[in-house]
Amino acid sequence: MLRVEDVHLHYGAAIALRGVSLTAKAGEVACVLGRNGVGKTSLLRAVTGMHAVSAGRIEWEGEDITLLPAYERARRGIATVPQGRDIFPLLTVRENLETGLGLLKRGQRKISDEIFDFFPVLGEMLARRGGDLSGGQQQQLAIARALVINPRVLVLDEPTEGIQPSIIKEIGKIIARLRARGDMAILLVEQYFDFAFDLADTVSVLDRGQVALSGRAETLAAEDVRAYIAI
């Protein structure tokens, strides 16, 4: 289980997170919703070790990882798909996928066939440069690159942003398949309400850096959640 307890995070004098707590369990999708600027990406940066927290505690499987650098968290199986994808545009699809292999033991450094089962289009484009792919294909590549390390926590930062509806549906199916395996906790940050609420097992709604609403998805009224994310 991934556990975030009373986390505070600052950028200089600016407060991004104020006492945020949540959990993400294997076999579930923990969804974080909220408008722009409420601290969603800051929370993911705290979880993945990309930014140090000011106070609070982050645990993974009972281990305190609050002070661990990002690469040590990745070695423990915490993989992230950042907002904006951040693929390497001049590298081929295969080379992009191979960038994650260094975290694996020498005998495990290969791209699993399961990756191309999830994303068959990537198997057809292995020699194509990442920058030549469409936005939807680049998002699939970013998710596939995270899956290469066989993560136990998958952190997704707005995977539907700028993506055509057909690809959004495919990404939703892949997230559902990963959850059904039961061996991975998925932390999903989204603004697209319908996509997120359909997948979520638990929901945390952020507002001004705090958790304004949280609970099991089936116990929360959709209109209450929408009230916090409506522009």
C-alpha atoms as a PDB file:
ATOM      1  CA  MET A   1       0.000   0.000   0.000  1.00  0.00           C
ATOM      2  CA  LEU A   2       1.110   3.549  -0.758  1.00  0.00           C
ATOM      3  CA  ARG A   3       0.283   5.869   2.110  1.00  0.00           C
ATOM      4  CA  VAL A   4       0.564   9.665   2.140  1.00  0.00           C
ATOM      5  CA  GLU A   5       0.157  11.122   5.623  1.00  0.00           C
ATOM      6  CA  ASP A   6      -0.327  14.824   6.416  1.00  0.00           C
ATOM      7  CA  VAL A   7       2.014  15.982   3.654  1.00  0.00           C
ATOM      8  CA  HIS A   8       2.918  19.652   3.284  1.00  0.00           C
ATOM      9  CA  LEU A   9       4.917  20.963   0.349  1.00  0.00           C
ATOM     10  CA  HIS A  10       6.318  24.424  -0.390  1.00  0.00           C
ATOM     11  CA  TYR A  11       7.865  26.147  -3.381  1.00  0.00           C
ATOM     12  CA  GLY A  12       9.844  28.784  -1.578  1.00  0.00           C
ATOM     13  CA  ALA A  13       7.305  30.789   0.409  1.00  0.00           C
ATOM     14  CA  ALA A  14       4.377  29.460  -1.634  1.00  0.00           C
ATOM     15  CA  ILE A  15       2.349  26.635  -0.078  1.00  0.00           C
ATOM     16  CA  ALA A  16       1.339  23.945  -2.586  1.00  0.00           C
ATOM     17  CA  LEU A  17       0.068  21.203  -0.248  1.00  0.00           C
ATOM     18  CA  ARG A  18      -1.475  21.547   3.197  1.00  0.00           C
ATOM     19  CA  GLY A  19      -1.786  18.347   5.209  1.00  0.00           C
ATOM     20  CA  VAL A  20      -2.735  16.020   2.346  1.00  0.00           C
ATOM     21  CA  SER A  21      -3.394  12.358   3.182  1.00  0.00           C
ATOM     22  CA  LEU A  22      -4.471   9.475   0.959  1.00  0.00           C
ATOM     23  CA  THR A  23      -3.820   5.799   0.269  1.00  0.00           C
ATOM     24  CA  ALA A  24      -3.478   3.740  -2.907  1.00  0.00           C
ATOM     25  CA  LYS A  25      -3.888  -0.031  -2.665  1.00  0.00           C
ATOM     26  CA  ALA A  26      -2.837  -2.775  -5.062  1.00  0.00           C
ATOM     27  CA  GLY A  27      -5.703  -3.704  -7.351  1.00  0.00           C
ATOM     28  CA  GLU A  28      -7.315  -0.279  -7.063  1.00  0.00           C
ATOM     29  CA  VAL A  29      -7.309   3.089  -8.799  1.00  0.00           C
ATOM     30  CA  ALA A  30      -6.907   5.998  -6.386  1.00  0.00           C
ATOM     31  CA  CYS A  31      -8.039   9.090  -8.259  1.00  0.00           C
ATOM     32  CA  VAL A  32      -7.067  12.666  -7.422  1.00  0.00           C
ATOM     33  CA  LEU A  33      -9.342  15.313  -8.924  1.00  0.00           C
ATOM     34  CA  GLY A  34      -9.284  19.096  -8.876  1.00  0.00           C
ATOM     35  CA  ARG A  35      -8.996  22.235 -10.947  1.00  0.00           C
ATOM     36  CA  ASN A  36      -5.718  23.592 -12.287  1.00  0.00           C
ATOM     37  CA  GLY A  37      -3.378  24.935  -9.637  1.00  0.00           C
ATOM     38  CA  VAL A  38      -4.845  23.130  -6.604  1.00  0.00           C
ATOM     39  CA  GLY A  39      -1.790  20.942  -5.970  1.00  0.00           C
ATOM     40  CA  LYS A  40      -2.450  17.737  -7.943  1.00  0.00           C
ATOM     41  CA  THR A  41       0.893  17.647  -9.751  1.00  0.00           C
ATOM     42  CA  SER A  42       2.691  18.771  -6.594  1.00  0.00           C
ATOM     43  CA  LEU A  43       1.234  15.744  -4.828  1.00  0.00           C
ATOM     44  CA  LEU A  44       2.568  13.424  -7.515  1.00  0.00           C
ATOM     45  CA  ARG A  45       5.976  15.100  -7.374  1.00  0.00           C
ATOM     46  CA  ALA A  46       5.997  14.446  -3.629  1.00  0.00           C
ATOM     47  CA  VAL A  47       5.031  10.795  -4.108  1.00  0.00           C
ATOM     48  CA  THR A  48       7.650  10.137  -6.788  1.00  0.00           C
ATOM     49  CA  GLY A  49      10.431  12.042  -5.028  1.00  0.00           C
ATOM     50  CA  MET A  50      10.705  14.818  -7.586  1.00  0.00           C
ATOM     51  CA  HIS A  51      10.191  17.449  -4.878  1.00  0.00           C
ATOM     52  CA  ALA A  52      10.935  17.205  -1.171  1.00  0.00           C
ATOM     53  CA  VAL A  53       8.035  17.587   1.243  1.00  0.00           C
ATOM     54  CA  SER A  54       8.145  20.186   3.993  1.00  0.00           C
ATOM     55  CA  ALA A  55       6.408  17.948   6.526  1.00  0.00           C
ATOM     56  CA  GLY A  56       4.512  14.681   6.650  1.00  0.00           C
ATOM     57  CA  ARG A  57       5.305  11.100   5.716  1.00  0.00           C
ATOM     58  CA  ILE A  58       5.125   8.914   2.608  1.00  0.00           C
ATOM     59  CA  GLU A  59       5.150   5.135   3.010  1.00  0.00           C
ATOM     60  CA  TRP A  60       5.325   2.300   0.501  1.00  0.00           C
ATOM     61  CA  GLU A  61       4.609  -1.200   1.809  1.00  0.00           C
ATOM     62  CA  GLY A  62       5.317  -0.066   5.358  1.00  0.00           C
ATOM     63  CA  GLU A  63       8.671   1.538   4.523  1.00  0.00           C
ATOM     64  CA  ASP A  64       9.157   5.247   5.104  1.00  0.00           C
ATOM     65  CA  ILE A  65      10.302   6.594   1.716  1.00  0.00           C
ATOM     66  CA  THR A  66       9.830  10.287   2.548  1.00  0.00           C
ATOM     67  CA  LEU A  67      13.531  11.087   2.201  1.00  0.00           C
ATOM     68  CA  LEU A  68      14.382   8.683  -0.612  1.00  0.00           C
ATOM     69  CA  PRO A  69      15.435  10.239  -3.941  1.00  0.00           C
ATOM     70  CA  ALA A  70      13.357   9.633  -7.054  1.00  0.00           C
ATOM     71  CA  TYR A  71      15.641   6.933  -8.466  1.00  0.00           C
ATOM     72  CA  GLU A  72      15.417   4.880  -5.264  1.00  0.00           C
ATOM     73  CA  ARG A  73      11.621   5.063  -5.374  1.00  0.00           C
ATOM     74  CA  ALA A  74      11.721   3.947  -9.001  1.00  0.00           C
ATOM     75  CA  ARG A  75      13.867   0.975  -7.956  1.00  0.00           C
ATOM     76  CA  ARG A  76      11.146   0.072  -5.476  1.00  0.00           C
ATOM     77  CA  GLY A  77       8.656  -0.044  -8.327  1.00  0.00           C
ATOM     78  CA  ILE A  78       7.135   3.448  -8.337  1.00  0.00           C
ATOM     79  CA  ALA A  79       6.789   4.531 -11.973  1.00  0.00           C
ATOM     80  CA  THR A  80       5.398   7.798 -13.259  1.00  0.00           C
ATOM     81  CA  VAL A  81       3.819   9.056 -16.474  1.00  0.00           C
ATOM     82  CA  PRO A  82       4.249  12.833 -16.262  1.00  0.00           C
ATOM     83  CA  GLN A  83       1.903  15.467 -17.575  1.00  0.00           C
ATOM     84  CA  GLY A  84       3.020  16.359 -21.081  1.00  0.00           C
ATOM     85  CA  ARG A  85       4.437  12.834 -21.591  1.00  0.00           C
ATOM     86  CA  ASP A  86       8.155  13.838 -21.668  1.00  0.00           C
ATOM     87  CA  ILE A  87       9.167  11.233 -24.212  1.00  0.00           C
ATOM     88  CA  PHE A  88      12.499  11.631 -26.008  1.00  0.00           C
ATOM     89  CA  PRO A  89      11.516  13.003 -29.438  1.00  0.00           C
ATOM     90  CA  LEU A  90      14.793  12.170 -31.195  1.00  0.00           C
ATOM     91  CA  LEU A  91      14.933   8.584 -29.915  1.00  0.00           C
ATOM     92  CA  THR A  92      13.044   5.776 -31.595  1.00  0.00           C
ATOM     93  CA  VAL A  93      10.081   4.092 -29.956  1.00  0.00           C
ATOM     94  CA  ARG A  94      12.300   1.142 -29.047  1.00  0.00           C
ATOM     95  CA  GLU A  95      14.973   3.417 -27.578  1.00  0.00           C
ATOM     96  CA  ASN A  96      12.371   5.297 -25.545  1.00  0.00           C
ATOM     97  CA  LEU A  97      11.126   2.020 -24.095  1.00  0.00           C
ATOM     98  CA  GLU A  98      14.657   0.883 -23.332  1.00  0.00           C
ATOM     99  CA  THR A  99      15.411   3.962 -21.216  1.00  0.00           C
ATOM    100  CA  GLY A 100      13.660   2.316 -18.270  1.00  0.00           C
ATOM    101  CA  LEU A 101      15.523  -0.971 -18.437  1.00  0.00           C
ATOM    102  CA  GLY A 102      18.501   0.283 -16.420  1.00  0.00           C
ATOM    103  CA  LEU A 103      16.417   0.010 -13.243  1.00  0.00           C
ATOM    104  CA  LEU A 104      16.000  -3.742 -13.742  1.00  0.00           C
ATOM    105  CA  LYS A 105      18.434  -6.501 -12.901  1.00  0.00           C
ATOM    106  CA  ARG A 106      20.706  -7.425 -15.784  1.00  0.00           C
ATOM    107  CA  GLY A 107      18.876 -10.645 -16.604  1.00  0.00           C
ATOM    108  CA  GLN A 108      15.499  -8.844 -16.693  1.00  0.00           C
ATOM    109  CA  ARG A 109      16.440  -6.062 -19.079  1.00  0.00           C
ATOM    110  CA  LYS A 110      14.064  -6.762 -21.930  1.00  0.00           C
ATOM    111  CA  ILE A 111      10.797  -5.311 -23.159  1.00  0.00           C
ATOM    112  CA  SER A 112       7.985  -7.678 -22.248  1.00  0.00           C
ATOM    113  CA  ASP A 113       5.641  -8.897 -24.983  1.00  0.00           C
ATOM    114  CA  GLU A 114       2.842  -7.704 -22.710  1.00  0.00           C
ATOM    115  CA  ILE A 115       3.762  -4.115 -23.605  1.00  0.00           C
ATOM    116  CA  PHE A 116       2.828  -4.730 -27.231  1.00  0.00           C
ATOM    117  CA  ASP A 117      -0.294  -6.593 -26.164  1.00  0.00           C
ATOM    118  CA  PHE A 118      -1.374  -3.412 -24.387  1.00  0.00           C
ATOM    119  CA  PHE A 119      -0.109  -1.121 -27.160  1.00  0.00           C
ATOM    120  CA  PRO A 120       0.016  -2.994 -30.491  1.00  0.00           C
ATOM    121  CA  VAL A 121       0.559   0.234 -32.427  1.00  0.00           C
ATOM    122  CA  LEU A 122       3.950   0.666 -30.733  1.00  0.00           C
ATOM    123  CA  GLY A 123       5.090  -2.722 -31.965  1.00  0.00           C
ATOM    124  CA  GLU A 124       4.494  -1.483 -35.504  1.00  0.00           C
ATOM    125  CA  MET A 125       6.495   1.713 -34.927  1.00  0.00           C
ATOM    126  CA  LEU A 126       9.622   0.558 -33.080  1.00  0.00           C
ATOM    127  CA  ALA A 127      11.974   2.254 -35.536  1.00  0.00           C
ATOM    128  CA  ARG A 128      10.021   5.506 -35.729  1.00  0.00           C
ATOM    129  CA  ARG A 129      11.215   8.530 -33.758  1.00  0.00           C
ATOM    130  CA  GLY A 130       9.101   9.475 -30.770  1.00  0.00           C
ATOM    131  CA  GLY A 131       8.670  13.029 -32.019  1.00  0.00           C
ATOM    132  CA  ASP A 132       7.034  11.758 -35.198  1.00  0.00           C
ATOM    133  CA  LEU A 133       4.191  10.040 -33.331  1.00  0.00           C
ATOM    134  CA  SER A 134       0.788  11.614 -32.820  1.00  0.00           C
ATOM    135  CA  GLY A 135      -0.123  12.975 -29.402  1.00  0.00           C
ATOM    136  CA  GLY A 136      -2.160   9.892 -28.588  1.00  0.00           C
ATOM    137  CA  GLN A 137       0.629   7.572 -29.682  1.00  0.00           C
ATOM    138  CA  GLN A 138       3.132   9.525 -27.597  1.00  0.00           C
ATOM    139  CA  GLN A 139       0.892   9.117 -24.550  1.00  0.00           C
ATOM    140  CA  GLN A 140       0.729   5.380 -25.153  1.00  0.00           C
ATOM    141  CA  LEU A 141       4.528   5.357 -25.449  1.00  0.00           C
ATOM    142  CA  ALA A 142       4.883   7.238 -22.153  1.00  0.00           C
ATOM    143  CA  ILE A 143       2.658   4.733 -20.356  1.00  0.00           C
ATOM    144  CA  ALA A 144       4.429   1.786 -21.993  1.00  0.00           C
ATOM    145  CA  ARG A 145       7.821   3.201 -20.941  1.00  0.00           C
ATOM    146  CA  ALA A 146       6.610   3.308 -17.325  1.00  0.00           C
ATOM    147  CA  LEU A 147       5.325  -0.268 -17.541  1.00  0.00           C
ATOM    148  CA  VAL A 148       8.680  -1.557 -18.792  1.00  0.00           C
ATOM    149  CA  ILE A 149      10.032  -1.616 -15.221  1.00  0.00           C
ATOM    150  CA  ASN A 150       7.138  -3.830 -14.044  1.00  0.00           C
ATOM    151  CA  PRO A 151       5.958  -1.201 -11.543  1.00  0.00           C
ATOM    152  CA  ARG A 152       4.001  -1.901  -8.401  1.00  0.00           C
ATOM    153  CA  VAL A 153       2.764   1.699  -8.267  1.00  0.00           C
ATOM    154  CA  LEU A 154       1.806   3.491 -11.487  1.00  0.00           C
ATOM    155  CA  VAL A 155       1.433   7.259 -11.175  1.00  0.00           C
ATOM    156  CA  LEU A 156      -0.443   8.927 -14.037  1.00  0.00           C
ATOM    157  CA  ASP A 157      -0.623  12.721 -14.333  1.00  0.00           C
ATOM    158  CA  GLU A 158      -3.574  13.688 -16.557  1.00  0.00           C
ATOM    159  CA  PRO A 159      -3.105  10.989 -19.212  1.00  0.00           C
ATOM    160  CA  THR A 160      -6.129  12.231 -21.205  1.00  0.00           C
ATOM    161  CA  GLU A 161      -4.798  15.768 -21.722  1.00  0.00           C
ATOM    162  CA  GLY A 162      -4.855  16.702 -25.412  1.00  0.00           C
ATOM    163  CA  ILE A 163      -5.761  13.163 -26.507  1.00  0.00           C
ATOM    164  CA  GLN A 164      -8.428  12.190 -29.032  1.00  0.00           C
ATOM    165  CA  PRO A 165     -11.505  10.389 -27.632  1.00  0.00           C
ATOM    166  CA  SER A 166     -10.693   7.022 -29.224  1.00  0.00           C
ATOM    167  CA  ILE A 167      -7.281   6.923 -27.523  1.00  0.00           C
ATOM    168  CA  ILE A 168      -8.786   8.057 -24.215  1.00  0.00           C
ATOM    169  CA  LYS A 169     -11.096   5.044 -24.359  1.00  0.00           C
ATOM    170  CA  GLU A 170      -8.145   2.732 -25.059  1.00  0.00           C
ATOM    171  CA  ILE A 171      -6.143   4.187 -22.170  1.00  0.00           C
ATOM    172  CA  GLY A 172      -9.132   3.648 -19.885  1.00  0.00           C
ATOM    173  CA  LYS A 173      -9.315  -0.009 -20.917  1.00  0.00           C
ATOM    174  CA  ILE A 174      -5.592  -0.471 -20.233  1.00  0.00           C
ATOM    175  CA  ILE A 175      -5.876   1.085 -16.761  1.00  0.00           C
ATOM    176  CA  ALA A 176      -8.821  -1.230 -16.024  1.00  0.00           C
ATOM    177  CA  ARG A 177      -6.789  -4.255 -17.180  1.00  0.00           C
ATOM    178  CA  LEU A 178      -3.843  -3.260 -15.006  1.00  0.00           C
ATOM    179  CA  ARG A 179      -6.117  -2.866 -11.989  1.00  0.00           C
ATOM    180  CA  ALA A 180      -7.709  -6.256 -12.633  1.00  0.00           C
ATOM    181  CA  ARG A 181      -4.305  -7.959 -12.328  1.00  0.00           C
ATOM    182  CA  GLY A 182      -4.403  -7.039  -8.636  1.00  0.00           C
ATOM    183  CA  ASP A 183      -0.658  -6.516  -8.222  1.00  0.00           C
ATOM    184  CA  MET A 184      -0.409  -2.793  -8.925  1.00  0.00           C
ATOM    185  CA  ALA A 185      -1.617   0.336  -7.171  1.00  0.00           C
ATOM    186  CA  ILE A 186      -2.619   3.077  -9.608  1.00  0.00           C
ATOM    187  CA  LEU A 187      -2.590   6.749  -8.622  1.00  0.00           C
ATOM    188  CA  LEU A 188      -4.460   8.739 -11.251  1.00  0.00           C
ATOM    189  CA  VAL A 189      -4.592  12.538 -11.409  1.00  0.00           C
ATOM    190  CA  GLU A 190      -7.268  13.871 -13.743  1.00  0.00           C
ATOM    191  CA  GLN A 191      -9.519  16.769 -14.636  1.00  0.00           C
ATOM    192  CA  TYR A 192     -11.681  14.746 -17.036  1.00  0.00           C
ATOM    193  CA  PHE A 193     -14.421  13.801 -14.588  1.00  0.00           C
ATOM    194  CA  ASP A 194     -16.231  11.039 -16.478  1.00  0.00           C
ATOM    195  CA  PHE A 195     -13.016   9.195 -17.362  1.00  0.00           C
ATOM    196  CA  ALA A 196     -11.700   9.377 -13.805  1.00  0.00           C
ATOM    197  CA  PHE A 197     -14.936   8.595 -11.971  1.00  0.00           C
ATOM    198  CA  ASP A 198     -15.613   5.542 -14.125  1.00  0.00           C
ATOM    199  CA  LEU A 199     -12.221   4.077 -13.176  1.00  0.00           C
ATOM    200  CA  ALA A 200     -11.864   5.251  -9.581  1.00  0.00           C
ATOM    201  CA  ASP A 201     -12.117   2.994  -6.566  1.00  0.00           C
ATOM    202  CA  THR A 202     -11.278   5.886  -4.251  1.00  0.00           C
ATOM    203  CA  VAL A 203     -11.485   9.625  -4.890  1.00  0.00           C
ATOM    204  CA  SER A 204      -9.626  12.526  -3.302  1.00  0.00           C
ATOM    205  CA  VAL A 205     -10.623  16.020  -4.414  1.00  0.00           C
ATOM    206  CA  LEU A 206      -8.037  18.740  -3.886  1.00  0.00           C
ATOM    207  CA  ASP A 207      -8.892  22.396  -3.398  1.00  0.00           C
ATOM    208  CA  ARG A 208      -6.266  25.029  -2.542  1.00  0.00           C
ATOM    209  CA  GLY A 209      -3.737  22.389  -1.625  1.00  0.00           C
ATOM    210  CA  GLN A 210      -6.019  20.499   0.746  1.00  0.00           C
ATOM    211  CA  VAL A 211      -8.235  17.435   0.505  1.00  0.00           C
ATOM    212  CA  ALA A 212     -11.715  18.905   0.305  1.00  0.00           C
ATOM    213  CA  LEU A 213     -13.584  15.643  -0.294  1.00  0.00           C
ATOM    214  CA  SER A 214     -12.574  11.993  -0.204  1.00  0.00           C
ATOM    215  CA  GLY A 215     -14.002   8.492   0.011  1.00  0.00           C
ATOM    216  CA  ARG A 216     -14.890   5.365  -1.913  1.00  0.00           C
ATOM    217  CA  ALA A 217     -16.152   6.324  -5.356  1.00  0.00           C
ATOM    218  CA  GLU A 218     -19.432   4.485  -4.885  1.00  0.00           C
ATOM    219  CA  THR A 219     -20.205   6.502  -1.743  1.00  0.00           C
ATOM    220  CA  LEU A 220     -19.614   9.945  -3.252  1.00  0.00           C
ATOM    221  CA  ALA A 221     -22.287  11.881  -5.115  1.00  0.00           C
ATOM    222  CA  ALA A 222     -21.097  12.876  -8.581  1.00  0.00           C
ATOM    223  CA  GLU A 223     -22.575  16.352  -8.239  1.00  0.00           C
ATOM    224  CA  ASP A 224     -20.592  16.956  -5.032  1.00  0.00           C
ATOM    225  CA  VAL A 225     -17.343  16.053  -6.783  1.00  0.00           C
ATOM    226  CA  ARG A 226     -18.196  18.075  -9.881  1.00  0.00           C
ATOM    227  CA  ALA A 227     -18.779  21.151  -7.725  1.00  0.00           C
ATOM    228  CA  TYR A 228     -15.078  21.226  -6.854  1.00  0.00           C
ATOM    229  CA  ILE A 229     -13.760  20.725 -10.374  1.00  0.00           C
ATOM    230  CA  ALA A 230     -16.174  22.892 -12.342  1.00  0.00           C
ATOM    231  CA  ILE A 231     -14.544  25.971 -13.820  1.00  0.00           C
END
